[in-house]
C-alpha atoms as a PDB file:
ATOM      1  CA  MET A   1      50.827   4.928  53.252  1.00  0.00           C
ATOM      2  CA  SER A   2      54.040   5.761  55.331  1.00  0.00           C
ATOM      3  CA  ARG A   3      54.796   9.145  56.689  1.00  0.00           C
ATOM      4  CA  ARG A   4      57.420   9.554  53.805  1.00  0.00           C
ATOM      5  CA  GLY A   5      54.697   8.647  51.268  1.00  0.00           C
ATOM      6  CA  TRP A   6      52.270  11.107  52.736  1.00  0.00           C
ATOM      7  CA  ALA A   7      54.950  13.909  52.844  1.00  0.00           C
ATOM      8  CA  LEU A   8      55.708  13.232  49.174  1.00  0.00           C
ATOM      9  CA  PHE A   9      52.038  13.116  48.205  1.00  0.00           C
ATOM     10  CA  VAL A  10      51.233  16.371  49.904  1.00  0.00           C
ATOM     11  CA  ALA A  11      54.322  18.027  48.408  1.00  0.00           C
ATOM     12  CA  MET A  12      53.419  16.944  44.849  1.00  0.00           C
ATOM     13  CA  SER A  13      49.774  17.859  45.235  1.00  0.00           C
ATOM     14  CA  LEU A  14      50.806  21.404  46.035  1.00  0.00           C
ATOM     15  CA  ILE A  15      53.933  21.802  43.707  1.00  0.00           C
ATOM     16  CA  TRP A  16      52.024  20.778  40.452  1.00  0.00           C
ATOM     17  CA  GLY A  17      49.254  23.224  41.233  1.00  0.00           C
ATOM     18  CA  VAL A  18      51.677  26.181  41.287  1.00  0.00           C
ATOM     19  CA  PRO A  19      53.008  26.341  37.631  1.00  0.00           C
ATOM     20  CA  TYR A  20      49.878  27.989  36.238  1.00  0.00           C
ATOM     21  CA  LEU A  21      50.284  30.912  38.630  1.00  0.00           C
ATOM     22  CA  LEU A  22      53.977  31.179  37.770  1.00  0.00           C
ATOM     23  CA  ILE A  23      53.334  30.951  33.980  1.00  0.00           C
ATOM     24  CA  LYS A  24      50.671  33.733  34.222  1.00  0.00           C
ATOM     25  CA  VAL A  25      53.072  36.034  36.047  1.00  0.00           C
ATOM     26  CA  ALA A  26      55.863  35.358  33.644  1.00  0.00           C
ATOM     27  CA  VAL A  27      54.084  35.749  30.326  1.00  0.00           C
ATOM     28  CA  ASP A  28      52.902  39.186  31.386  1.00  0.00           C
ATOM     29  CA  GLU A  29      56.450  40.371  30.749  1.00  0.00           C
ATOM     30  CA  VAL A  30      58.316  37.759  28.668  1.00  0.00           C
ATOM     31  CA  SER A  31      57.358  35.726  25.645  1.00  0.00           C
ATOM     32  CA  PRO A  32      56.023  32.098  25.838  1.00  0.00           C
ATOM     33  CA  VAL A  33      59.189  30.985  24.069  1.00  0.00           C
ATOM     34  CA  VAL A  34      61.402  32.481  26.715  1.00  0.00           C
ATOM     35  CA  VAL A  35      59.286  30.975  29.439  1.00  0.00           C
ATOM     36  CA  VAL A  36      59.632  27.459  28.043  1.00  0.00           C
ATOM     37  CA  PHE A  37      63.340  27.891  27.334  1.00  0.00           C
ATOM     38  CA  ALA A  38      64.180  29.250  30.791  1.00  0.00           C
ATOM     39  CA  ARG A  39      62.103  26.454  32.544  1.00  0.00           C
ATOM     40  CA  CYS A  40      63.683  23.660  30.513  1.00  0.00           C
ATOM     41  CA  ALA A  41      67.202  25.012  30.665  1.00  0.00           C
ATOM     42  CA  ILE A  42      67.060  25.243  34.527  1.00  0.00           C
ATOM     43  CA  GLY A  43      65.431  21.855  34.837  1.00  0.00           C
ATOM     44  CA  ALA A  44      67.966  20.202  32.472  1.00  0.00           C
ATOM     45  CA  ALA A  45      70.884  21.719  34.277  1.00  0.00           C
ATOM     46  CA  LEU A  46      69.778  20.255  37.549  1.00  0.00           C
ATOM     47  CA  LEU A  47      68.550  16.880  36.407  1.00  0.00           C
ATOM     48  CA  LEU A  48      71.197  15.821  33.712  1.00  0.00           C
ATOM     49  CA  PRO A  49      74.078  15.584  36.143  1.00  0.00           C
ATOM     50  CA  TRP A  50      71.912  13.408  38.314  1.00  0.00           C
ATOM     51  CA  THR A  51      71.017  11.216  35.355  1.00  0.00           C
ATOM     52  CA  LEU A  52      74.666  10.879  34.343  1.00  0.00           C
ATOM     53  CA  ARG A  53      75.733   9.936  37.947  1.00  0.00           C
ATOM     54  CA  ARG A  54      72.993   7.241  37.962  1.00  0.00           C
ATOM     55  CA  GLY A  55      73.950   5.776  34.550  1.00  0.00           C
ATOM     56  CA  GLY A  56      70.501   6.526  33.064  1.00  0.00           C
ATOM     57  CA  LEU A  57      71.630   8.455  30.000  1.00  0.00           C
ATOM     58  CA  GLY A  58      72.643   5.321  27.956  1.00  0.00           C
ATOM     59  CA  PRO A  59      69.320   3.496  28.295  1.00  0.00           C
ATOM     60  CA  ALA A  60      67.496   6.707  27.315  1.00  0.00           C
ATOM     61  CA  LEU A  61      69.672   7.468  24.297  1.00  0.00           C
ATOM     62  CA  ARG A  62      69.260   3.872  22.951  1.00  0.00           C
ATOM     63  CA  GLN A  63      65.578   4.571  22.573  1.00  0.00           C
ATOM     64  CA  TRP A  64      66.005   8.090  21.221  1.00  0.00           C
ATOM     65  CA  ARG A  65      63.304   7.931  18.523  1.00  0.00           C
ATOM     66  CA  TRP A  66      60.435   7.201  21.014  1.00  0.00           C
ATOM     67  CA  LEU A  67      62.084   9.473  23.519  1.00  0.00           C
ATOM     68  CA  LEU A  68      61.741  12.299  20.959  1.00  0.00           C
ATOM     69  CA  VAL A  69      58.053  11.452  20.577  1.00  0.00           C
ATOM     70  CA  PHE A  70      57.622  11.606  24.420  1.00  0.00           C
ATOM     71  CA  THR A  71      59.471  14.905  24.453  1.00  0.00           C
ATOM     72  CA  VAL A  72      57.204  16.478  21.891  1.00  0.00           C
ATOM     73  CA  LEU A  73      54.020  15.243  23.627  1.00  0.00           C
ATOM     74  CA  GLU A  74      55.054  15.937  27.157  1.00  0.00           C
ATOM     75  CA  MET A  75      57.132  19.184  27.058  1.00  0.00           C
ATOM     76  CA  THR A  76      58.061  20.784  23.695  1.00  0.00           C
ATOM     77  CA  ALA A  77      54.547  21.346  22.394  1.00  0.00           C
ATOM     78  CA  PRO A  78      52.407  21.444  25.647  1.00  0.00           C
ATOM     79  CA  TRP A  79      54.578  24.022  27.520  1.00  0.00           C
ATOM     80  CA  LEU A  80      54.587  26.565  24.680  1.00  0.00           C
ATOM     81  CA  LEU A  81      50.841  26.089  24.211  1.00  0.00           C
ATOM     82  CA  LEU A  82      50.263  26.611  27.931  1.00  0.00           C
ATOM     83  CA  ALA A  83      52.333  29.760  28.023  1.00  0.00           C
ATOM     84  CA  TYR A  84      50.558  31.066  24.925  1.00  0.00           C
ATOM     85  CA  ALA A  85      47.115  30.240  26.394  1.00  0.00           C
ATOM     86  CA  GLU A  86      47.840  31.999  29.667  1.00  0.00           C
ATOM     87  CA  GLN A  87      48.428  35.158  27.871  1.00  0.00           C
ATOM     88  CA  SER A  88      44.584  35.271  27.611  1.00  0.00           C
ATOM     89  CA  LEU A  89      43.199  32.747  30.016  1.00  0.00           C
ATOM     90  CA  SER A  90      43.326  33.057  33.820  1.00  0.00           C
ATOM     91  CA  SER A  91      45.653  30.611  35.598  1.00  0.00           C
ATOM     92  CA  SER A  92      42.525  29.220  37.487  1.00  0.00           C
ATOM     93  CA  LEU A  93      40.730  28.396  34.311  1.00  0.00           C
ATOM     94  CA  THR A  94      43.849  26.953  32.633  1.00  0.00           C
ATOM     95  CA  GLY A  95      44.576  24.694  35.647  1.00  0.00           C
ATOM     96  CA  LEU A  96      40.970  23.400  35.606  1.00  0.00           C
ATOM     97  CA  LEU A  97      40.940  22.766  31.855  1.00  0.00           C
ATOM     98  CA  VAL A  98      44.182  20.749  32.124  1.00  0.00           C
ATOM     99  CA  ALA A  99      42.384  18.657  34.673  1.00  0.00           C
ATOM    100  CA  ALA A 100      40.744  17.028  31.728  1.00  0.00           C
ATOM    101  CA  VAL A 101      43.907  14.987  31.179  1.00  0.00           C
ATOM    102  CA  PRO A 102      42.516  11.848  33.173  1.00  0.00           C
ATOM    103  CA  PHE A 103      39.435  11.719  30.859  1.00  0.00           C
ATOM    104  CA  VAL A 104      41.481  12.034  27.739  1.00  0.00           C
ATOM    105  CA  ALA A 105      43.954   9.483  29.060  1.00  0.00           C
ATOM    106  CA  ALA A 106      41.224   6.999  29.794  1.00  0.00           C
ATOM    107  CA  PHE A 107      39.892   7.373  26.278  1.00  0.00           C
ATOM    108  CA  ALA A 108      43.324   7.264  24.674  1.00  0.00           C
ATOM    109  CA  GLY A 109      44.203   4.141  26.724  1.00  0.00           C
ATOM    110  CA  ARG A 110      41.017   2.527  25.525  1.00  0.00           C
ATOM    111  CA  LEU A 111      41.878   3.162  21.928  1.00  0.00           C
ATOM    112  CA  ALA A 112      45.443   1.932  22.459  1.00  0.00           C
ATOM    113  CA  GLY A 113      44.197  -1.348  23.899  1.00  0.00           C
ATOM    114  CA  GLU A 114      45.108  -0.681  27.495  1.00  0.00           C
ATOM    115  CA  GLU A 115      44.289  -3.437  30.012  1.00  0.00           C
ATOM    116  CA  GLU A 116      41.516  -1.575  31.948  1.00  0.00           C
ATOM    117  CA  ARG A 117      37.926  -1.605  30.795  1.00  0.00           C
ATOM    118  CA  LEU A 118      35.760   1.525  30.869  1.00  0.00           C
ATOM    119  CA  THR A 119      33.398   0.407  33.652  1.00  0.00           C
ATOM    120  CA  PRO A 120      30.109   2.283  34.371  1.00  0.00           C
ATOM    121  CA  VAL A 121      31.814   4.058  37.298  1.00  0.00           C
ATOM    122  CA  ARG A 122      34.544   5.368  35.040  1.00  0.00           C
ATOM    123  CA  MET A 123      32.088   6.391  32.359  1.00  0.00           C
ATOM    124  CA  VAL A 124      30.082   8.342  34.977  1.00  0.00           C
ATOM    125  CA  GLY A 125      33.401   9.986  35.941  1.00  0.00           C
ATOM    126  CA  MET A 126      34.143  10.989  32.416  1.00  0.00           C
ATOM    127  CA  VAL A 127      30.622  12.367  31.982  1.00  0.00           C
ATOM    128  CA  LEU A 128      30.921  14.480  35.232  1.00  0.00           C
ATOM    129  CA  GLY A 129      34.265  15.732  34.108  1.00  0.00           C
ATOM    130  CA  VAL A 130      32.874  16.774  30.647  1.00  0.00           C
ATOM    131  CA  ALA A 131      30.038  18.482  32.501  1.00  0.00           C
ATOM    132  CA  GLY A 132      32.384  20.383  34.687  1.00  0.00           C
ATOM    133  CA  ILE A 133      34.415  21.589  31.765  1.00  0.00           C
ATOM    134  CA  ALA A 134      31.172  22.545  29.964  1.00  0.00           C
ATOM    135  CA  ALA A 135      30.258  24.618  33.064  1.00  0.00           C
ATOM    136  CA  LEU A 136      33.638  26.223  33.083  1.00  0.00           C
ATOM    137  CA  LEU A 137      33.335  27.393  29.384  1.00  0.00           C
ATOM    138  CA  GLY A 138      29.552  27.844  29.122  1.00  0.00           C
ATOM    139  CA  LEU A 139      28.976  29.911  32.267  1.00  0.00           C
ATOM    140  CA  ASP A 140      32.055  32.222  31.806  1.00  0.00           C
ATOM    141  CA  PRO A 141      32.352  32.541  28.051  1.00  0.00           C
ATOM    142  CA  GLU A 142      33.920  35.980  28.051  1.00  0.00           C
ATOM    143  CA  GLY A 143      36.899  34.531  29.948  1.00  0.00           C
ATOM    144  CA  ALA A 144      37.477  31.666  27.520  1.00  0.00           C
ATOM    145  CA  ALA A 145      38.782  32.850  24.137  1.00  0.00           C
ATOM    146  CA  LEU A 146      38.540  30.161  21.399  1.00  0.00           C
ATOM    147  CA  LEU A 147      42.185  29.740  20.328  1.00  0.00           C
ATOM    148  CA  PRO A 148      43.723  29.641  23.929  1.00  0.00           C
ATOM    149  CA  VAL A 149      41.110  27.108  24.885  1.00  0.00           C
ATOM    150  CA  LEU A 150      42.016  24.968  21.812  1.00  0.00           C
ATOM    151  CA  ALA A 151      45.695  25.278  22.872  1.00  0.00           C
ATOM    152  CA  VAL A 152      44.893  23.918  26.251  1.00  0.00           C
ATOM    153  CA  ALA A 153      42.832  21.146  24.644  1.00  0.00           C
ATOM    154  CA  LEU A 154      46.016  20.150  22.660  1.00  0.00           C
ATOM    155  CA  VAL A 155      47.898  20.238  25.900  1.00  0.00           C
ATOM    156  CA  THR A 156      45.644  17.690  27.403  1.00  0.00           C
ATOM    157  CA  VAL A 157      46.159  15.395  24.382  1.00  0.00           C
ATOM    158  CA  GLY A 158      49.843  15.602  24.786  1.00  0.00           C
ATOM    159  CA  TYR A 159      49.811  14.980  28.547  1.00  0.00           C
ATOM    160  CA  ALA A 160      47.348  12.180  28.152  1.00  0.00           C
ATOM    161  CA  THR A 161      49.240  10.345  25.447  1.00  0.00           C
ATOM    162  CA  ALA A 162      52.882  10.775  26.614  1.00  0.00           C
ATOM    163  CA  PRO A 163      52.469   8.162  29.389  1.00  0.00           C
ATOM    164  CA  LEU A 164      51.396   5.630  26.815  1.00  0.00           C
ATOM    165  CA  VAL A 165      54.715   6.227  24.962  1.00  0.00           C
ATOM    166  CA  ILE A 166      56.716   5.656  28.221  1.00  0.00           C
ATOM    167  CA  SER A 167      54.855   2.596  29.298  1.00  0.00           C
ATOM    168  CA  ARG A 168      54.718   0.895  25.932  1.00  0.00           C
ATOM    169  CA  LYS A 169      57.934   1.956  24.179  1.00  0.00           C
ATOM    170  CA  LEU A 170      60.271   3.056  26.973  1.00  0.00           C
ATOM    171  CA  PRO A 171      59.658   0.728  29.864  1.00  0.00           C
ATOM    172  CA  GLU A 172      63.305   0.191  30.520  1.00  0.00           C
ATOM    173  CA  VAL A 173      64.186   3.896  30.666  1.00  0.00           C
ATOM    174  CA  PRO A 174      64.200   5.486  34.145  1.00  0.00           C
ATOM    175  CA  GLY A 175      61.618   8.189  34.567  1.00  0.00           C
ATOM    176  CA  VAL A 176      64.050  10.985  35.613  1.00  0.00           C
ATOM    177  CA  ALA A 177      66.437  10.000  32.746  1.00  0.00           C
ATOM    178  CA  ALA A 178      63.539  10.329  30.184  1.00  0.00           C
ATOM    179  CA  ALA A 179      62.508  13.628  31.695  1.00  0.00           C
ATOM    180  CA  SER A 180      66.046  15.164  31.855  1.00  0.00           C
ATOM    181  CA  VAL A 181      66.791  14.284  28.232  1.00  0.00           C
ATOM    182  CA  ALA A 182      63.426  15.730  27.234  1.00  0.00           C
ATOM    183  CA  LEU A 183      64.247  18.890  29.032  1.00  0.00           C
ATOM    184  CA  ALA A 184      67.647  19.156  27.366  1.00  0.00           C
ATOM    185  CA  VAL A 185      66.078  18.585  23.870  1.00  0.00           C
ATOM    186  CA  THR A 186      63.399  21.127  24.384  1.00  0.00           C
ATOM    187  CA  THR A 187      66.016  23.705  25.601  1.00  0.00           C
ATOM    188  CA  VAL A 188      67.992  23.106  22.348  1.00  0.00           C
ATOM    189  CA  VAL A 189      64.823  23.401  20.245  1.00  0.00           C
ATOM    190  CA  TYR A 190      63.825  26.727  21.618  1.00  0.00           C
ATOM    191  CA  ALA A 191      67.255  28.250  22.008  1.00  0.00           C
ATOM    192  CA  PRO A 192      67.388  29.856  18.579  1.00  0.00           C
ATOM    193  CA  PHE A 193      64.098  31.554  19.229  1.00  0.00           C
ATOM    194  CA  ALA A 194      64.611  32.411  22.933  1.00  0.00           C
ATOM    195  CA  LEU A 195      68.197  33.770  22.960  1.00  0.00           C
ATOM    196  CA  PRO A 196      67.516  36.842  20.842  1.00  0.00           C
ATOM    197  CA  GLN A 197      64.793  37.684  23.378  1.00  0.00           C
ATOM    198  CA  LEU A 198      66.637  37.119  26.530  1.00  0.00           C
ATOM    199  CA  GLY A 199      67.075  40.870  26.893  1.00  0.00           C
ATOM    200  CA  ASP A 200      63.344  41.086  27.706  1.00  0.00           C
ATOM    201  CA  ALA A 201      63.852  38.524  30.506  1.00  0.00           C
ATOM    202  CA  VAL A 202      66.833  40.371  31.938  1.00  0.00           C
ATOM    203  CA  ASP A 203      64.837  43.625  31.981  1.00  0.00           C
ATOM    204  CA  ALA A 204      61.838  41.906  33.484  1.00  0.00           C
ATOM    205  CA  SER A 205      60.641  42.654  37.039  1.00  0.00           C
ATOM    206  CA  GLY A 206      61.973  40.668  39.978  1.00  0.00           C
ATOM    207  CA  GLU A 207      58.539  39.093  40.213  1.00  0.00           C
ATOM    208  CA  ALA A 208      58.727  37.633  36.671  1.00  0.00           C
ATOM    209  CA  LEU A 209      62.299  36.490  37.189  1.00  0.00           C
ATOM    210  CA  LEU A 210      61.342  34.748  40.399  1.00  0.00           C
ATOM    211  CA  SER A 211      58.527  33.017  38.702  1.00  0.00           C
ATOM    212  CA  LEU A 212      60.825  31.672  35.887  1.00  0.00           C
ATOM    213  CA  THR A 213      63.385  30.544  38.431  1.00  0.00           C
ATOM    214  CA  THR A 214      60.758  28.862  40.710  1.00  0.00           C
ATOM    215  CA  LEU A 215      59.114  27.241  37.533  1.00  0.00           C
ATOM    216  CA  GLY A 216      62.444  25.682  36.525  1.00  0.00           C
ATOM    217  CA  VAL A 217      63.812  24.701  40.021  1.00  0.00           C
ATOM    218  CA  LEU A 218      60.700  23.726  42.039  1.00  0.00           C
ATOM    219  CA  CYS A 219      58.049  22.867  39.563  1.00  0.00           C
ATOM    220  CA  THR A 220      60.266  21.089  37.084  1.00  0.00           C
ATOM    221  CA  ALA A 221      63.550  19.693  38.478  1.00  0.00           C
ATOM    222  CA  VAL A 222      62.562  19.092  42.080  1.00  0.00           C
ATOM    223  CA  ALA A 223      58.984  18.140  41.105  1.00  0.00           C
ATOM    224  CA  LEU A 224      60.124  15.450  38.734  1.00  0.00           C
ATOM    225  CA  ALA A 225      62.536  13.949  41.224  1.00  0.00           C
ATOM    226  CA  LEU A 226      59.859  14.023  43.989  1.00  0.00           C
ATOM    227  CA  PHE A 227      57.354  12.452  41.705  1.00  0.00           C
ATOM    228  CA  PHE A 228      59.393   9.446  40.792  1.00  0.00           C
ATOM    229  CA  ALA A 229      60.312   9.100  44.458  1.00  0.00           C
ATOM    230  CA  LEU A 230      56.548   9.064  45.250  1.00  0.00           C
ATOM    231  CA  ILE A 231      56.052   6.330  42.558  1.00  0.00           C
ATOM    232  CA  ARG A 232      58.701   4.144  44.335  1.00  0.00           C
ATOM    233  CA  GLU A 233      57.105   4.705  47.660  1.00  0.00           C
ATOM    234  CA  VAL A 234      53.416   4.188  46.934  1.00  0.00           C
ATOM    235  CA  GLY A 235      53.216   2.740  43.359  1.00  0.00           C
ATOM    236  CA  PRO A 236      52.255   4.425  40.032  1.00  0.00           C
ATOM    237  CA  GLN A 237      48.422   4.339  40.484  1.00  0.00           C
ATOM    238  CA  ARG A 238      48.348   5.894  43.920  1.00  0.00           C
ATOM    239  CA  ALA A 239      50.847   8.422  42.957  1.00  0.00           C
ATOM    240  CA  LEU A 240      48.601   9.765  40.217  1.00  0.00           C
ATOM    241  CA  VAL A 241      45.958  10.665  42.834  1.00  0.00           C
ATOM    242  CA  ILE A 242      47.834  14.053  43.044  1.00  0.00           C
ATOM    243  CA  THR A 243      46.090  15.026  39.883  1.00  0.00           C
ATOM    244  CA  PHE A 244      42.838  15.301  42.080  1.00  0.00           C
ATOM    245  CA  VAL A 245      44.308  18.035  44.106  1.00  0.00           C
ATOM    246  CA  ASN A 246      46.314  20.074  41.646  1.00  0.00           C
ATOM    247  CA  PRO A 247      43.361  21.914  39.990  1.00  0.00           C
ATOM    248  CA  ALA A 248      42.074  23.077  43.349  1.00  0.00           C
ATOM    249  CA  VAL A 249      45.459  24.465  44.218  1.00  0.00           C
ATOM    250  CA  ALA A 250      45.659  26.262  40.900  1.00  0.00           C
ATOM    251  CA  VAL A 251      42.283  27.931  41.508  1.00  0.00           C
ATOM    252  CA  LEU A 252      43.066  28.909  45.077  1.00  0.00           C
ATOM    253  CA  LEU A 253      46.389  30.491  44.034  1.00  0.00           C
ATOM    254  CA  GLY A 254      44.887  32.308  41.063  1.00  0.00           C
ATOM    255  CA  VAL A 255      41.996  33.739  43.067  1.00  0.00           C
ATOM    256  CA  GLY A 256      43.933  34.406  46.245  1.00  0.00           C
ATOM    257  CA  LEU A 257      47.222  35.814  44.901  1.00  0.00           C
ATOM    258  CA  LEU A 258      46.417  37.221  41.441  1.00  0.00           C
ATOM    259  CA  GLY A 259      42.915  38.397  42.220  1.00  0.00           C
ATOM    260  CA  GLU A 260      41.285  36.306  39.499  1.00  0.00           C
ATOM    261  CA  PRO A 261      37.475  36.135  39.661  1.00  0.00           C
ATOM    262  CA  PHE A 262      35.891  33.156  41.268  1.00  0.00           C
ATOM    263  CA  THR A 263      33.190  32.806  38.667  1.00  0.00           C
ATOM    264  CA  LEU A 264      29.915  30.723  38.757  1.00  0.00           C
ATOM    265  CA  GLY A 265      31.552  28.461  36.128  1.00  0.00           C
ATOM    266  CA  ILE A 266      34.550  27.701  38.547  1.00  0.00           C
ATOM    267  CA  ALA A 267      32.173  27.216  41.452  1.00  0.00           C
ATOM    268  CA  LEU A 268      30.100  24.556  39.598  1.00  0.00           C
ATOM    269  CA  GLY A 269      32.941  23.261  37.372  1.00  0.00           C
ATOM    270  CA  LEU A 270      35.645  22.649  40.075  1.00  0.00           C
ATOM    271  CA  PRO A 271      33.684  20.011  42.149  1.00  0.00           C
ATOM    272  CA  LEU A 272      32.431  18.320  39.034  1.00  0.00           C
ATOM    273  CA  VAL A 273      35.904  18.028  37.496  1.00  0.00           C
ATOM    274  CA  LEU A 274      37.442  16.795  40.748  1.00  0.00           C
ATOM    275  CA  ALA A 275      34.712  14.218  41.239  1.00  0.00           C
ATOM    276  CA  GLY A 276      35.107  13.166  37.641  1.00  0.00           C
ATOM    277  CA  CYS A 277      38.871  12.683  38.071  1.00  0.00           C
ATOM    278  CA  VAL A 278      38.338  10.509  41.133  1.00  0.00           C
ATOM    279  CA  LEU A 279      35.845   8.205  39.365  1.00  0.00           C
ATOM    280  CA  ALA A 280      37.407   8.196  35.815  1.00  0.00           C
ATOM    281  CA  THR A 281      40.792   7.115  37.107  1.00  0.00           C
ATOM    282  CA  GLY A 282      39.539   4.428  39.486  1.00  0.00           C
ATOM    283  CA  ARG A 283      41.038   1.070  38.911  1.00  0.00           C
ATOM    284  CA  GLY A 284      38.822  -1.201  36.836  1.00  0.00           C
ATOM    285  CA  PRO A 285      38.969  -4.912  35.996  1.00  0.00           C
ATOM    286  CA  ALA A 286      41.787  -5.874  33.729  1.00  0.00           C
ATOM    287  CA  THR A 287      41.431  -7.898  30.648  1.00  0.00           C
ATOM    288  CA  PRO A 288      43.332 -11.256  30.924  1.00  0.00           C
ATOM    289  CA  SER A 289      45.379 -10.850  27.730  1.00  0.00           C
ATOM    290  CA  ALA A 290      46.697  -7.306  28.368  1.00  0.00           C
ATOM    291  CA  PRO A 291      50.351  -6.575  28.679  1.00  0.00           C
ATOM    292  CA  GLU A 292      51.864  -5.110  31.800  1.00  0.00           C
ATOM    293  CA  VAL A 293      52.173  -1.450  31.773  1.00  0.00           C
ATOM    294  CA  GLY A 294      55.328   0.212  33.113  1.00  0.00           C
ATOM    295  CA  GLU A 295      56.012   3.337  35.037  1.00  0.00           C
ATOM    296  CA  PRO A 296      53.898   6.284  33.972  1.00  0.00           C
ATOM    297  CA  ALA A 297      55.292   9.467  32.739  1.00  0.00           C
ATOM    298  CA  ALA A 298      55.450  12.438  35.014  1.00  0.00           C
ATOM    299  CA  THR A 299      53.409  15.371  33.758  1.00  0.00           C
ATOM    300  CA  ALA A 300      55.362  18.374  34.806  1.00  0.00           C
ATOM    301  CA  ARG A 301      52.675  20.989  34.753  1.00  0.00           C
END
């Protein structure tokens, strides 16, 4: 990997471990709806002009039906569910639960007829990942309320299936163009609910406002641009290796900056989840008749 590739890889590994901390800080003072609206509005304001200059809006809008499906699966539903969940769950636990995405994606890809077989190694990875999540929930049950955990489970389903929509139905749409339109649509959807509550955001502390701004600028607009640059530099499969590092960053930030407890469940679950991610997302042999898969969707955590 080139120096540029390594720089992008390190940047993305760190950046997409940060949103859980920022969401946790923000939802302590403003509603989940306002968090999602602010994040998407900022991200769309930065990425839409870029998309227009590059001529990516036309190809995206021509596929508007499938683009709406991607939007719901990747942003509109998951980001509200995440903000809701973090009203109760710690940012550390939320980040680790979202790390189940590779396992759900492998299963979803198999159901959808993806080209890769579930090899024994990948199966072992999925088992390890499930064991890690079981450790997280089973050894720290008081910190894992049922409804928030179910909300995060739905987030993993959305994050895992959205790339299938991009690769199968939107292969000609540039990644940043799809993301910028999705951000704009989600902003419009939440505007009627968020605008009456903006007074709460205005009255929020500087810490909460900084979290919202950083979430929109760094963890959404900048992160999406960098992620697709990373894909161009090292390829889609190697780019997705950042998902191995993001959960660890989320835990370190939650424990170190928010004073969240480093529980026995996290101590045992974290290495199991990370090892499971590595094994479950390893490249397996492809079936000869499988179609080629396009650029994966970015998961803007």
